[in-house]
């Protein structure tokens, strides 16, 4: 086991237990072969993500009899925990709830099969599921091998039907358990793992036509049906991060408005649940800030302004909140749909001042680059080739800003590559504040502006400039909206 994060968390569940109920946990674990070994055992838990991301929360040393006791009187958020030995490779998972007292015996030579629980019926059921899952996987592997060696189409079809039928046995196991033990941790875990089963057959629109998008709409609308957003214990499982990733990056339409709408919905569902809300807001902010989808920074600004800056990020101190505030102050002025901030720069060769707003063009490419930047010196000639071949005829002009690098090198590069039809400018007196206005802290950076200097594209390159312009032209043609 590598990259074990060390983090001691005081976790509070959302419900208040009865005053006589024991808080925390007491876990006695015995490995017979660890007598006189001076070995440590660590209690760790998941936090949204699967392995190797786990967090240690307690530890104990095995005594001369091979027994270690982990104990806490603090209220503890339940979930899937694990006991991890000093080698960071030997471990097994189990379920822990606030107030649990249990004893565990096991052998390091045969995990998890050798694990036995006393005082925890739910963990006994969990071990039965682990065994079922192990047998299930072995049978699936055998059938897959048979499929690979199938000699006829009939054999292939038969084996695939068997694999499908066998797969349904896992779904049935989980559903049956959830019905038998509703509200328990394992039942809620099983329900969180549910995948929407799309009804078979044709489905029709009100006008009688076949609804070709029915499967997508059904899957999306039922995606979260089994996930209990009132159960904070689910954050201590390796489930939530993967579900968020699939939903937002594969199912939700990749547009800022869609992310904002769906994000608001999940935050409303998790509000009042400390850890699920925290993880959801953190994930949405991180995902939209780092997204490669053009314009998604609009959603990032929204989540920061509407939640983090309004006090919902309870886990952040003042400096943490201010870092978010500073970040969006650099992004908000240049999100898509905004008027491009004005910059006035000195033109190469003449020394005259040229304002960005003065450029008369159907579209303006605002290109920030550095002649000493390897990526820039590859990108600039390719943009120029596209400009000469197609973009110029579409009414495009290029307002190219040299950000750094010797003026001589800049001049030599332009002459060598024959890039002489752009508006080449720079800011020798550092008065334009272009870096903060356009979030330029690395190069190259390319924006697309329309004739009114409204930002229509950002963080572009030579491969997608034309497609964005064509999309805008199509929109203008079909709607009349520029």
Protein backbone atom coordinates (compact mmCIF):
# COMPACT_ATOMS: atom_id res chain seq x y z
CA UNK A 1 0.00 0.00 0.00
CA UNK A 2 1.47 3.33 -1.08
CA UNK A 3 0.50 6.96 -0.53
CA UNK A 4 -1.36 6.53 2.75
CA UNK A 5 -2.64 9.95 3.81
CA UNK A 6 -2.37 10.64 7.53
CA UNK A 7 -5.33 12.64 8.75
CA UNK A 8 -7.05 12.64 12.18
CA UNK A 9 -10.63 13.81 11.79
CA UNK A 10 -13.28 14.54 14.38
CA UNK A 11 -16.40 13.47 12.53
CA UNK A 12 -19.93 14.26 13.61
CA UNK A 13 -22.95 12.35 12.34
CA UNK A 14 -26.09 14.30 11.54
CA UNK A 15 -28.40 12.44 13.93
CA UNK A 16 -28.21 12.65 17.72
CA UNK A 17 -28.05 9.26 19.49
CA UNK A 18 -29.88 8.57 22.71
CA UNK A 19 -28.06 9.87 25.77
CA UNK A 20 -27.42 6.37 27.12
CA UNK A 21 -25.88 5.09 23.86
CA UNK A 22 -22.14 4.52 23.81
CA UNK A 23 -20.19 6.83 21.53
CA UNK A 24 -17.09 5.91 19.57
CA UNK A 25 -15.94 2.29 19.26
CA UNK A 26 -14.00 -0.50 20.88
CA UNK A 27 -12.29 -2.97 18.55
CA UNK A 28 -10.22 -5.86 19.82
CA UNK A 29 -8.26 -7.54 17.07
CA UNK A 30 -6.12 -10.65 17.38
CA UNK A 31 -3.59 -12.07 14.95
CA UNK A 32 -2.17 -15.23 16.56
CA UNK A 33 1.01 -15.09 14.48
CA UNK A 34 1.80 -11.54 15.67
CA UNK A 35 2.71 -12.56 19.21
CA UNK A 36 5.80 -10.66 20.44
CA UNK A 37 6.03 -8.96 17.04
CA UNK A 38 5.88 -5.33 18.21
CA UNK A 39 3.69 -4.66 15.17
CA UNK A 40 1.31 -1.73 14.83
CA UNK A 41 -2.24 -1.88 13.47
CA UNK A 42 -3.93 1.19 12.03
CA UNK A 43 -7.61 2.02 11.76
CA UNK A 44 -8.28 3.78 8.46
CA UNK A 45 -11.29 4.81 6.44
CA UNK A 46 -12.22 5.88 2.94
CA UNK A 47 -13.29 9.41 2.12
CA UNK A 48 -15.24 9.47 -1.13
CA UNK A 49 -12.50 7.86 -3.22
CA UNK A 50 -11.28 4.27 -3.66
CA UNK A 51 -7.83 2.95 -2.83
CA UNK A 52 -5.12 4.08 -2.50
CA UNK A 53 -6.76 7.15 -0.94
CA UNK A 54 -7.46 6.28 2.69
CA UNK A 55 -7.10 8.15 5.96
CA UNK A 56 -5.65 6.82 9.20
CA UNK A 57 -7.64 7.75 12.26
CA UNK A 58 -6.33 5.51 15.08
CA UNK A 59 -3.55 3.03 15.88
CA UNK A 60 -2.55 0.42 18.45
CA UNK A 61 0.32 -1.97 19.09
CA UNK A 62 -0.10 -5.74 19.34
CA UNK A 63 0.78 -7.11 22.77
CA UNK A 64 2.65 -10.32 23.57
CA UNK A 65 -0.51 -12.34 22.91
CA UNK A 66 -1.02 -10.82 19.47
CA UNK A 67 -3.91 -8.67 20.65
CA UNK A 68 -4.43 -4.98 19.93
CA UNK A 69 -7.27 -2.74 21.12
CA UNK A 70 -8.46 0.35 19.28
CA UNK A 71 -10.82 2.46 21.33
CA UNK A 72 -12.43 5.88 21.22
CA UNK A 73 -15.16 7.59 23.22
CA UNK A 74 -15.64 10.30 20.62
CA UNK A 75 -18.66 10.19 18.35
CA UNK A 76 -17.50 8.49 15.16
CA UNK A 77 -18.90 8.64 11.66
CA UNK A 78 -19.43 5.12 10.39
CA UNK A 79 -18.54 3.67 7.02
CA UNK A 80 -16.24 1.13 5.43
CA UNK A 81 -13.09 1.05 7.55
CA UNK A 82 -10.02 -1.12 7.34
CA UNK A 83 -7.43 -2.52 9.69
CA UNK A 84 -3.99 -2.01 8.20
CA UNK A 85 -0.76 -3.53 9.50
CA UNK A 86 2.62 -1.83 9.66
CA UNK A 87 3.75 -3.19 6.30
CA UNK A 88 0.96 -1.08 4.70
CA UNK A 89 0.06 -4.03 2.49
CA UNK A 90 -1.74 -6.38 4.85
CA UNK A 91 -5.28 -5.22 5.54
CA UNK A 92 -8.95 -6.11 5.49
CA UNK A 93 -12.15 -4.08 5.33
CA UNK A 94 -15.05 -4.10 7.73
CA UNK A 95 -18.07 -1.97 8.66
CA UNK A 96 -17.97 0.41 11.60
CA UNK A 97 -20.81 2.35 13.18
CA UNK A 98 -20.75 4.79 16.04
CA UNK A 99 -20.98 2.88 19.33
CA UNK A 100 -19.75 -0.46 17.94
CA UNK A 101 -17.97 -2.93 20.19
CA UNK A 102 -16.52 -6.00 18.53
CA UNK A 103 -13.70 -8.50 18.64
CA UNK A 104 -11.96 -9.74 15.53
CA UNK A 105 -9.67 -12.70 14.97
CA UNK A 106 -7.75 -13.24 11.76
CA UNK A 107 -4.64 -14.69 10.20
CA UNK A 108 -2.24 -12.63 8.13
CA UNK A 109 -1.75 -15.66 5.88
CA UNK A 110 -5.34 -15.86 4.72
CA UNK A 111 -7.09 -12.50 4.39
CA UNK A 112 -9.95 -11.76 4.21
CA UNK A 113 -11.18 -15.36 4.40
CA UNK A 114 -9.78 -15.90 7.92
CA UNK A 115 -11.52 -12.87 9.46
CA UNK A 116 -14.06 -13.74 12.18
CA UNK A 117 -16.25 -11.26 14.04
CA UNK A 118 -17.85 -11.43 17.47
CA UNK A 119 -20.37 -8.85 18.62
CA UNK A 120 -21.09 -7.49 15.12
CA UNK A 121 -23.85 -9.30 13.21
CA UNK A 122 -23.64 -6.76 10.39
CA UNK A 123 -19.98 -7.58 9.83
CA UNK A 124 -20.81 -11.27 9.78
CA UNK A 125 -23.25 -10.50 6.97
CA UNK A 126 -20.62 -8.33 5.33
CA UNK A 127 -18.15 -11.23 5.36
CA UNK A 128 -20.82 -13.44 3.78
CA UNK A 129 -21.14 -10.85 1.01
CA UNK A 130 -17.35 -10.74 0.56
CA UNK A 131 -17.39 -14.52 0.09
CA UNK A 132 -20.31 -14.28 -2.34
CA UNK A 133 -18.47 -11.58 -4.28
CA UNK A 134 -15.29 -13.66 -4.42
CA UNK A 135 -17.18 -16.69 -5.76
CA UNK A 136 -19.14 -14.48 -8.14
CA UNK A 137 -15.94 -13.02 -9.59
CA UNK A 138 -14.36 -16.43 -10.03
CA UNK A 139 -17.38 -17.72 -11.94
CA UNK A 140 -17.52 -14.60 -14.10
CA UNK A 141 -13.86 -15.07 -14.97
CA UNK A 142 -14.45 -18.70 -15.91
CA UNK A 143 -17.33 -17.75 -18.18
CA UNK A 144 -15.29 -14.99 -19.79
CA UNK A 145 -12.56 -17.51 -20.58
CA UNK A 146 -15.18 -19.81 -22.10
CA UNK A 147 -16.42 -16.90 -24.20
CA UNK A 148 -12.93 -16.28 -25.53
CA UNK A 149 -12.68 -19.91 -26.64
CA UNK A 150 -16.18 -20.21 -28.09
CA UNK A 151 -16.03 -21.71 -31.58
CA UNK A 152 -19.49 -20.96 -32.94
CA UNK A 153 -21.84 -17.99 -32.86
CA UNK A 154 -24.38 -20.17 -31.06
CA UNK A 155 -21.87 -20.95 -28.31
CA UNK A 156 -20.98 -17.27 -28.04
CA UNK A 157 -24.61 -16.26 -27.72
CA UNK A 158 -25.29 -18.93 -25.12
CA UNK A 159 -22.31 -17.95 -22.95
CA UNK A 160 -23.20 -14.27 -23.14
CA UNK A 161 -26.71 -15.06 -21.95
CA UNK A 162 -25.21 -17.03 -19.06
CA UNK A 163 -22.91 -14.14 -18.15
CA UNK A 164 -25.84 -11.73 -18.22
CA UNK A 165 -28.01 -14.01 -16.08
CA UNK A 166 -25.18 -14.53 -13.61
CA UNK A 167 -24.62 -10.79 -13.40
CA UNK A 168 -28.22 -10.35 -12.33
CA UNK A 169 -27.58 -12.62 -9.34
CA UNK A 170 -25.30 -9.94 -7.85
CA UNK A 171 -27.99 -7.29 -8.33
CA UNK A 172 -30.56 -9.61 -6.75
CA UNK A 173 -28.28 -10.33 -3.77
CA UNK A 174 -27.89 -6.64 -3.02
CA UNK A 175 -31.58 -5.83 -3.49
CA UNK A 176 -32.69 -8.71 -1.29
CA UNK A 177 -30.30 -7.63 1.45
CA UNK A 178 -31.45 -4.00 1.29
CA UNK A 179 -35.06 -5.14 1.68
CA UNK A 180 -34.24 -7.42 4.61
CA UNK A 181 -32.07 -4.92 6.52
CA UNK A 182 -33.35 -1.45 5.47
CA UNK A 183 -31.46 1.57 6.77
CA UNK A 184 -28.39 -0.37 7.83
CA UNK A 185 -25.00 0.75 6.59
CA UNK A 186 -24.50 -2.18 4.23
CA UNK A 187 -28.03 -1.86 2.86
CA UNK A 188 -27.40 1.82 2.08
CA UNK A 189 -24.07 0.92 0.46
CA UNK A 190 -25.80 -1.64 -1.76
CA UNK A 191 -28.49 0.88 -2.71
CA UNK A 192 -25.83 3.49 -3.51
CA UNK A 193 -24.24 1.01 -5.92
CA UNK A 194 -27.46 0.51 -7.85
CA UNK A 195 -27.40 1.28 -11.57
CA UNK A 196 -30.67 2.32 -13.24
CA UNK A 197 -32.18 -0.59 -15.17
CA UNK A 198 -33.71 0.84 -18.35
CA UNK A 199 -37.12 -0.68 -19.17
CA UNK A 200 -37.00 -2.86 -22.26
CA UNK A 201 -39.00 -2.27 -25.42
CA UNK A 202 -39.83 0.79 -27.50
CA UNK A 203 -40.83 4.05 -25.88
CA UNK A 204 -42.79 6.78 -27.60
CA UNK A 205 -43.18 10.52 -27.56
CA UNK A 206 -46.63 12.11 -27.18
CA UNK A 207 -46.85 12.46 -30.99
CA UNK A 208 -46.39 8.70 -31.43
CA UNK A 209 -42.81 8.80 -32.65
CA UNK A 210 -40.16 6.57 -31.08
CA UNK A 211 -38.33 8.39 -28.28
CA UNK A 212 -34.70 7.79 -29.32
CA UNK A 213 -33.40 9.56 -26.22
CA UNK A 214 -35.52 7.60 -23.73
CA UNK A 215 -32.63 5.46 -22.44
CA UNK A 216 -30.46 8.50 -21.74
CA UNK A 217 -33.25 10.45 -20.05
CA UNK A 218 -34.33 7.48 -17.94
CA UNK A 219 -30.78 6.66 -16.85
CA UNK A 220 -30.07 10.29 -15.92
CA UNK A 221 -33.33 10.89 -14.08
CA UNK A 222 -32.95 7.68 -12.01
CA UNK A 223 -29.18 7.84 -11.52
CA UNK A 224 -29.33 8.92 -7.85
CA UNK A 225 -32.46 6.97 -6.88
CA UNK A 226 -30.65 4.55 -4.58
CA UNK A 227 -28.24 7.00 -2.99
CA UNK A 228 -29.33 8.09 0.49
CA UNK A 229 -28.21 11.70 0.75
CA UNK A 230 -29.26 11.76 4.41
CA UNK A 231 -26.62 9.15 5.34
CA UNK A 232 -23.26 10.82 5.91
CA UNK A 233 -21.68 7.39 6.45
CA UNK A 234 -21.62 6.92 2.67
CA UNK A 235 -18.76 9.43 2.44
CA UNK A 236 -16.63 6.84 4.25
CA UNK A 237 -16.99 4.45 1.31
CA UNK A 238 -15.21 4.41 -2.06
CA UNK A 239 -18.44 5.18 -3.93
CA UNK A 240 -19.33 8.87 -4.05
CA UNK A 241 -16.40 10.30 -6.02
CA UNK A 242 -16.89 7.77 -8.81
CA UNK A 243 -20.60 8.47 -9.01
CA UNK A 244 -19.98 12.22 -9.17
CA UNK A 245 -17.39 11.75 -11.90
CA UNK A 246 -19.67 9.58 -14.05
CA UNK A 247 -22.68 11.81 -13.59
CA UNK A 248 -21.08 15.16 -14.31
CA UNK A 249 -18.41 14.13 -16.81
CA UNK A 250 -20.32 11.49 -18.76
CA UNK A 251 -24.06 12.06 -18.30
CA UNK A 252 -24.73 15.76 -17.70
CA UNK A 253 -24.59 17.92 -20.83
CA UNK A 254 -21.10 19.52 -20.77
CA UNK A 255 -22.32 23.10 -20.49
CA UNK A 256 -21.88 25.55 -17.58
CA UNK A 257 -25.63 26.02 -17.13
CA UNK A 258 -26.17 22.26 -16.87
CA UNK A 259 -23.38 21.86 -14.33
CA UNK A 260 -24.75 24.72 -12.26
CA UNK A 261 -28.30 23.35 -12.30
CA UNK A 262 -27.24 19.81 -11.39
CA UNK A 263 -24.74 21.04 -8.83
CA UNK A 264 -27.38 23.14 -7.11
CA UNK A 265 -29.63 20.09 -6.99
CA UNK A 266 -27.03 17.88 -5.30
CA UNK A 267 -26.00 20.58 -2.86
CA UNK A 268 -29.65 21.00 -1.87
CA UNK A 269 -29.93 17.24 -1.28
CA UNK A 270 -26.79 17.12 0.85
CA UNK A 271 -27.39 20.31 2.82
CA UNK A 272 -27.58 19.48 6.49
CA UNK A 273 -25.25 16.49 6.06
CA UNK A 274 -21.84 17.75 7.05
CA UNK A 275 -19.51 15.48 5.12
CA UNK A 276 -21.59 14.80 2.00
CA UNK A 277 -22.21 18.52 1.55
CA UNK A 278 -18.54 19.32 2.09
CA UNK A 279 -17.38 16.76 -0.43
CA UNK A 280 -19.98 17.77 -3.01
CA UNK A 281 -19.07 21.45 -2.89
CA UNK A 282 -15.34 20.73 -2.88
CA UNK A 283 -15.72 18.36 -5.83
CA UNK A 284 -17.82 20.78 -7.88
CA UNK A 285 -15.39 23.64 -7.33
CA UNK A 286 -12.34 21.53 -8.14
CA UNK A 287 -13.92 19.88 -11.17
CA UNK A 288 -15.17 23.08 -12.78
CA UNK A 289 -11.95 24.96 -12.08
CA UNK A 290 -9.78 22.28 -13.71
CA UNK A 291 -12.22 21.39 -16.51
CA UNK A 292 -10.94 21.36 -20.08
CA UNK A 293 -14.43 22.22 -21.33
CA UNK A 294 -14.51 25.74 -22.71
CA UNK A 295 -16.53 28.08 -20.53
CA UNK A 296 -16.77 25.80 -17.50
CA UNK A 297 -14.98 28.45 -15.45
CA UNK A 298 -18.35 30.22 -15.41
CA UNK A 299 -19.69 27.38 -13.28
CA UNK A 300 -16.61 27.56 -11.04
CA UNK A 301 -17.19 31.26 -10.42
CA UNK A 302 -20.84 30.52 -9.65
CA UNK A 303 -20.13 27.83 -7.05
CA UNK A 304 -17.52 29.99 -5.36
CA UNK A 305 -19.72 33.09 -5.26
CA UNK A 306 -22.95 31.35 -4.29
CA UNK A 307 -21.57 28.93 -1.70
CA UNK A 308 -17.94 29.38 -0.65
CA UNK A 309 -18.00 33.16 -0.32
CA UNK A 310 -21.36 33.02 1.47
CA UNK A 311 -20.02 30.94 4.34
CA UNK A 312 -21.02 27.41 3.28
CA UNK A 313 -17.43 26.15 3.16
CA UNK A 314 -17.27 25.69 6.94
CA UNK A 315 -14.01 23.75 6.70
CA UNK A 316 -12.06 26.68 5.22
CA UNK A 317 -10.40 29.32 7.33
CA UNK A 318 -10.32 32.99 6.33
CA UNK A 319 -7.19 32.58 4.22
CA UNK A 320 -8.69 29.59 2.40
CA UNK A 321 -11.80 31.54 1.47
CA UNK A 322 -9.71 34.50 0.36
CA UNK A 323 -7.71 32.28 -1.99
CA UNK A 324 -10.94 31.34 -3.72
CA UNK A 325 -11.98 34.99 -3.81
CA UNK A 326 -8.67 35.96 -5.39
CA UNK A 327 -8.92 33.16 -7.94
CA UNK A 328 -12.35 34.13 -9.23
CA UNK A 329 -11.35 37.79 -9.31
CA UNK A 330 -8.99 36.79 -12.12
CA UNK A 331 -11.53 34.59 -13.91
CA UNK A 332 -14.83 36.45 -13.56
CA UNK A 333 -13.93 39.38 -15.87
CA UNK A 334 -13.12 37.08 -18.80
CA UNK A 335 -15.76 34.37 -18.74
CA UNK A 336 -17.54 33.60 -22.00
CA UNK A 337 -20.34 36.07 -22.74
CA UNK A 338 -18.64 39.00 -21.03
CA UNK A 339 -17.33 42.08 -22.79
CA UNK A 340 -13.59 41.65 -23.25
CA UNK A 341 -11.68 43.89 -20.80
CA UNK A 342 -9.99 46.77 -22.53
CA UNK A 343 -6.24 46.70 -23.03
CA UNK A 344 -4.13 49.28 -24.83
CA UNK A 345 -0.69 48.29 -26.07
CA UNK A 346 2.19 49.52 -28.17
CA UNK A 347 2.26 48.34 -31.78
CA UNK A 348 5.38 46.61 -33.06
CA UNK A 349 7.39 48.79 -35.45
CA UNK A 350 5.46 52.05 -35.08
CA UNK A 351 5.16 52.62 -31.35
CA UNK A 352 1.56 53.80 -31.69
CA UNK A 353 -0.96 52.81 -29.02
CA UNK A 354 -3.59 50.33 -30.20
CA UNK A 355 -6.66 49.60 -28.11
CA UNK A 356 -8.21 46.17 -28.39
CA UNK A 357 -11.62 47.81 -28.71
CA UNK A 358 -10.44 49.73 -31.80
CA UNK A 359 -9.91 46.57 -33.87
CA UNK A 360 -12.62 46.51 -36.55
CA UNK A 361 -13.32 42.86 -37.38
CA UNK A 362 -16.09 40.26 -37.52
CA UNK A 363 -13.97 38.22 -35.10
CA UNK A 364 -10.79 39.05 -33.21
CA UNK A 365 -8.30 36.46 -32.01
CA UNK A 366 -6.64 37.74 -28.87
CA UNK A 367 -3.39 35.76 -28.68
CA UNK A 368 -1.01 36.00 -25.72
CA UNK A 369 2.36 34.40 -26.43
CA UNK A 370 6.08 34.46 -25.70
CA UNK A 371 8.78 33.95 -28.38
CA UNK A 372 10.90 32.02 -25.85
CA UNK A 373 8.07 29.58 -25.08
CA UNK A 374 8.41 26.32 -27.02
CA UNK A 375 4.68 25.66 -27.17
CA UNK A 376 4.07 29.24 -28.35
CA UNK A 377 6.59 29.03 -31.17
CA UNK A 378 4.85 25.89 -32.44
CA UNK A 379 1.33 27.25 -32.04
CA UNK A 380 1.87 30.70 -33.57
CA UNK A 381 2.84 29.49 -37.10
CA UNK A 382 -0.06 27.00 -37.12
CA UNK A 383 -2.51 29.75 -36.17
CA UNK A 384 -1.03 31.92 -38.92
CA UNK A 385 -1.41 29.15 -41.51
CA UNK A 386 -5.06 28.72 -40.51
CA UNK A 387 -5.50 32.48 -40.60
CA UNK A 388 -4.12 32.80 -44.12
CA UNK A 389 -6.01 29.75 -45.41
CA UNK A 390 -9.45 30.33 -43.88
CA UNK A 391 -9.82 32.79 -41.03
CA UNK A 392 -8.87 35.97 -42.88
CA UNK A 393 -11.66 35.39 -45.39
CA UNK A 394 -14.10 35.04 -42.49
CA UNK A 395 -13.25 38.54 -41.31
CA UNK A 396 -10.87 37.53 -38.55
CA UNK A 397 -8.07 39.74 -37.27
CA UNK A 398 -5.36 38.72 -34.81
CA UNK A 399 -4.37 40.98 -31.91
CA UNK A 400 -1.18 39.25 -30.78
CA UNK A 401 0.39 40.22 -27.46
CA UNK A 402 4.05 39.46 -26.71
CA UNK A 403 4.07 38.73 -23.00
CA UNK A 404 7.77 38.15 -22.36
CA UNK A 405 11.06 37.45 -24.09
CA UNK A 406 13.59 39.78 -25.72
CA UNK A 407 12.16 42.18 -28.29
CA UNK A 408 14.91 41.15 -30.71
CA UNK A 409 13.95 37.49 -30.50
CA UNK A 410 10.31 38.45 -31.02
CA UNK A 411 11.19 40.45 -34.14
CA UNK A 412 13.43 37.71 -35.53
CA UNK A 413 10.77 35.04 -35.05
CA UNK A 414 8.06 37.08 -36.80
CA UNK A 415 10.36 37.79 -39.72
CA UNK A 416 11.57 34.18 -39.99
CA UNK A 417 8.03 32.74 -39.97
CA UNK A 418 6.53 35.49 -42.10
CA UNK A 419 3.84 36.33 -39.58
CA UNK A 420 3.31 39.86 -40.83
CA UNK A 421 -0.45 40.26 -41.16
CA UNK A 422 -1.31 40.35 -37.45
CA UNK A 423 -1.59 43.31 -35.11
CA UNK A 424 1.57 42.71 -33.07
CA UNK A 425 1.66 44.57 -29.75
CA UNK A 426 3.41 44.56 -26.40
CA UNK A 427 3.34 46.43 -23.11
CA UNK A 428 6.82 47.77 -22.37
CA UNK A 429 5.58 50.08 -19.60
CA UNK A 430 3.44 47.35 -17.92
CA UNK A 431 0.35 49.50 -17.70
CA UNK A 432 -2.32 47.29 -19.29
CA UNK A 433 -2.72 44.75 -16.45
CA UNK A 434 -3.47 42.13 -19.11
CA UNK A 435 -2.39 39.24 -16.86
CA UNK A 436 -5.12 39.70 -14.28
CA UNK A 437 -7.70 40.83 -16.83
CA UNK A 438 -7.23 37.71 -18.95
CA UNK A 439 -5.80 35.25 -16.43
CA UNK A 440 -2.54 34.98 -18.33
CA UNK A 441 0.03 33.32 -16.08
CA UNK A 442 1.32 30.85 -18.65
CA UNK A 443 1.37 30.91 -22.43
CA UNK A 444 0.00 30.52 -25.03
CA UNK A 445 -3.50 31.79 -24.24
CA UNK A 446 -6.02 32.41 -27.01
CA UNK A 447 -9.42 34.13 -26.85
CA UNK A 448 -12.03 34.56 -29.58
CA UNK A 449 -14.03 37.82 -29.58
CA UNK A 450 -16.96 38.78 -31.79
CA UNK A 451 -17.40 42.10 -33.57
CA UNK A 452 -18.75 43.67 -30.36
CA UNK A 453 -15.74 42.34 -28.48
CA UNK A 454 -17.85 39.87 -26.52
CA UNK A 455 -15.82 36.82 -25.47
CA UNK A 456 -17.09 33.81 -27.45
CA UNK A 457 -14.24 31.37 -26.89
CA UNK A 458 -11.26 31.01 -24.60
CA UNK A 459 -8.28 28.77 -24.02
CA UNK A 460 -8.48 27.77 -27.68
CA UNK A 461 -5.76 26.54 -30.04
CA UNK A 462 -5.34 26.12 -33.79
CA UNK A 463 -7.33 22.86 -33.75
CA UNK A 464 -10.63 24.30 -32.58
CA UNK A 465 -10.74 27.99 -33.56
CA UNK A 466 -12.53 27.28 -36.82
CA UNK A 467 -15.10 24.94 -35.27
CA UNK A 468 -16.07 27.58 -32.69
CA UNK A 469 -16.46 30.22 -35.40
CA UNK A 470 -18.54 27.86 -37.54
CA UNK A 471 -20.74 27.08 -34.54
CA UNK A 472 -21.29 30.80 -33.98
CA UNK A 473 -22.06 31.32 -37.66
CA UNK A 474 -24.58 28.46 -37.61
CA UNK A 475 -26.26 29.91 -34.52
CA UNK A 476 -26.45 33.33 -36.14
CA UNK A 477 -27.91 31.85 -39.34
CA UNK A 478 -30.57 29.77 -37.60
CA UNK A 479 -31.58 32.19 -34.85
CA UNK A 480 -30.50 35.56 -36.16
CA UNK A 481 -28.72 36.12 -32.85
CA UNK A 482 -25.14 37.30 -33.12
